[in-house]
């Protein structure tokens, strides 16, 4: 059975959301709930989504990332994806969405200067 977990924690004025497993239609609500915590925390000038441990991401998962990007832009919050690889990396490249997202190799790098 596929699994997915999402957890989040504040880091100063930043908020880090870690996604692990398969971000798909079945698990999108879990991710959305965790992202809602980031938006409602009130402390976030930067939101980092760590997808290093993501093993799969379908179109619904990509849609959730796009919604997160749109919400961050609406709130004036910087959004960074960390550890993009595999299927997600290919989807972002093929769809032309790659330039829309700020990418970082590590959470530490994404948090530098926050």
Protein backbone atom coordinates (compact mmCIF):
# COMPACT_ATOMS: atom_id res chain seq x y z
CA UNK A 1 0.00 0.00 0.00
CA UNK A 2 1.40 3.42 -0.94
CA UNK A 3 2.18 5.76 1.90
CA UNK A 4 2.52 9.48 2.32
CA UNK A 5 3.36 11.65 5.30
CA UNK A 6 3.74 15.37 5.67
CA UNK A 7 5.14 17.22 8.63
CA UNK A 8 6.00 20.84 9.23
CA UNK A 9 7.91 23.02 11.63
CA UNK A 10 8.78 26.70 12.02
CA UNK A 11 12.39 27.79 11.57
CA UNK A 12 12.57 31.43 12.63
CA UNK A 13 10.59 33.39 10.04
CA UNK A 14 10.46 30.36 7.74
CA UNK A 15 8.22 27.32 7.74
CA UNK A 16 9.47 23.95 6.47
CA UNK A 17 7.07 21.30 5.18
CA UNK A 18 8.50 17.83 4.58
CA UNK A 19 6.71 15.51 2.17
CA UNK A 20 7.58 11.79 2.15
CA UNK A 21 6.26 8.97 0.01
CA UNK A 22 3.70 9.23 -2.77
CA UNK A 23 2.02 12.58 -3.36
CA UNK A 24 -1.00 11.57 -5.41
CA UNK A 25 -4.77 11.97 -5.53
CA UNK A 26 -5.26 9.83 -2.43
CA UNK A 27 -2.71 11.72 -0.33
CA UNK A 28 -3.17 15.29 -1.61
CA UNK A 29 -5.49 16.24 1.30
CA UNK A 30 -2.74 15.36 3.81
CA UNK A 31 -0.30 17.64 1.98
CA UNK A 32 -2.87 20.44 1.67
CA UNK A 33 -3.61 20.24 5.40
CA UNK A 34 0.10 20.58 6.23
CA UNK A 35 0.47 23.51 3.83
CA UNK A 36 -2.52 25.20 5.47
CA UNK A 37 -0.58 25.11 8.77
CA UNK A 38 2.27 26.96 7.05
CA UNK A 39 -0.03 29.64 5.63
CA UNK A 40 -1.89 30.06 8.93
CA UNK A 41 1.22 30.11 11.12
CA UNK A 42 1.56 33.85 10.59
CA UNK A 43 5.35 33.68 10.98
CA UNK A 44 6.26 32.69 7.46
CA UNK A 45 8.04 35.02 5.12
CA UNK A 46 9.52 31.89 3.54
CA UNK A 47 7.92 28.47 3.02
CA UNK A 48 10.21 25.58 2.13
CA UNK A 49 8.72 22.36 0.77
CA UNK A 50 11.20 19.51 1.14
CA UNK A 51 10.41 16.81 -1.44
CA UNK A 52 13.73 14.95 -1.06
CA UNK A 53 11.93 11.85 0.23
CA UNK A 54 9.08 12.00 -2.28
CA UNK A 55 9.01 8.70 -4.17
CA UNK A 56 6.19 9.59 -6.58
CA UNK A 57 4.19 12.64 -7.64
CA UNK A 58 1.27 12.53 -10.07
CA UNK A 59 -0.66 15.36 -11.71
CA UNK A 60 -2.71 15.91 -8.55
CA UNK A 61 0.49 16.31 -6.54
CA UNK A 62 1.86 18.78 -9.08
CA UNK A 63 -1.47 20.62 -8.87
CA UNK A 64 -1.01 20.91 -5.10
CA UNK A 65 2.45 22.37 -5.61
CA UNK A 66 1.03 24.89 -8.10
CA UNK A 67 -1.70 25.84 -5.61
CA UNK A 68 1.01 26.33 -2.98
CA UNK A 69 2.97 28.55 -5.35
CA UNK A 70 -0.13 30.62 -6.14
CA UNK A 71 -0.98 30.98 -2.46
CA UNK A 72 2.57 32.04 -1.61
CA UNK A 73 2.51 34.65 -4.37
CA UNK A 74 -0.84 35.97 -3.15
CA UNK A 75 0.53 36.27 0.39
CA UNK A 76 3.88 37.71 -0.66
CA UNK A 77 5.69 34.68 0.74
CA UNK A 78 8.79 33.17 -0.86
CA UNK A 79 8.27 29.48 -1.75
CA UNK A 80 11.21 27.14 -2.31
CA UNK A 81 11.17 23.47 -3.32
CA UNK A 82 14.04 21.40 -1.94
CA UNK A 83 15.34 18.11 -3.32
CA UNK A 84 13.34 17.95 -6.56
CA UNK A 85 14.25 14.73 -8.35
CA UNK A 86 12.87 11.80 -10.34
CA UNK A 87 9.30 11.95 -11.63
CA UNK A 88 8.63 15.41 -10.20
CA UNK A 89 11.76 16.81 -11.84
CA UNK A 90 10.71 15.36 -15.21
CA UNK A 91 7.13 16.64 -14.89
CA UNK A 92 8.29 20.17 -14.06
CA UNK A 93 10.69 20.13 -17.03
CA UNK A 94 8.22 18.66 -19.55
CA UNK A 95 5.38 21.00 -18.57
CA UNK A 96 7.59 24.08 -18.57
CA UNK A 97 6.82 24.68 -14.87
CA UNK A 98 10.45 24.37 -13.77
CA UNK A 99 11.20 28.14 -14.03
CA UNK A 100 8.08 28.99 -11.98
CA UNK A 101 9.54 27.40 -8.85
CA UNK A 102 12.56 28.44 -6.83
CA UNK A 103 14.62 25.28 -6.27
CA UNK A 104 17.28 24.57 -3.68
CA UNK A 105 19.49 21.53 -3.10
CA UNK A 106 18.98 21.50 0.70
CA UNK A 107 16.78 22.92 3.44
CA UNK A 108 19.84 24.61 4.95
CA UNK A 109 20.57 26.36 1.66
CA UNK A 110 16.91 27.42 1.28
CA UNK A 111 16.88 28.85 4.81
CA UNK A 112 20.12 30.77 4.39
CA UNK A 113 19.45 34.47 4.66
CA UNK A 114 15.95 34.12 6.14
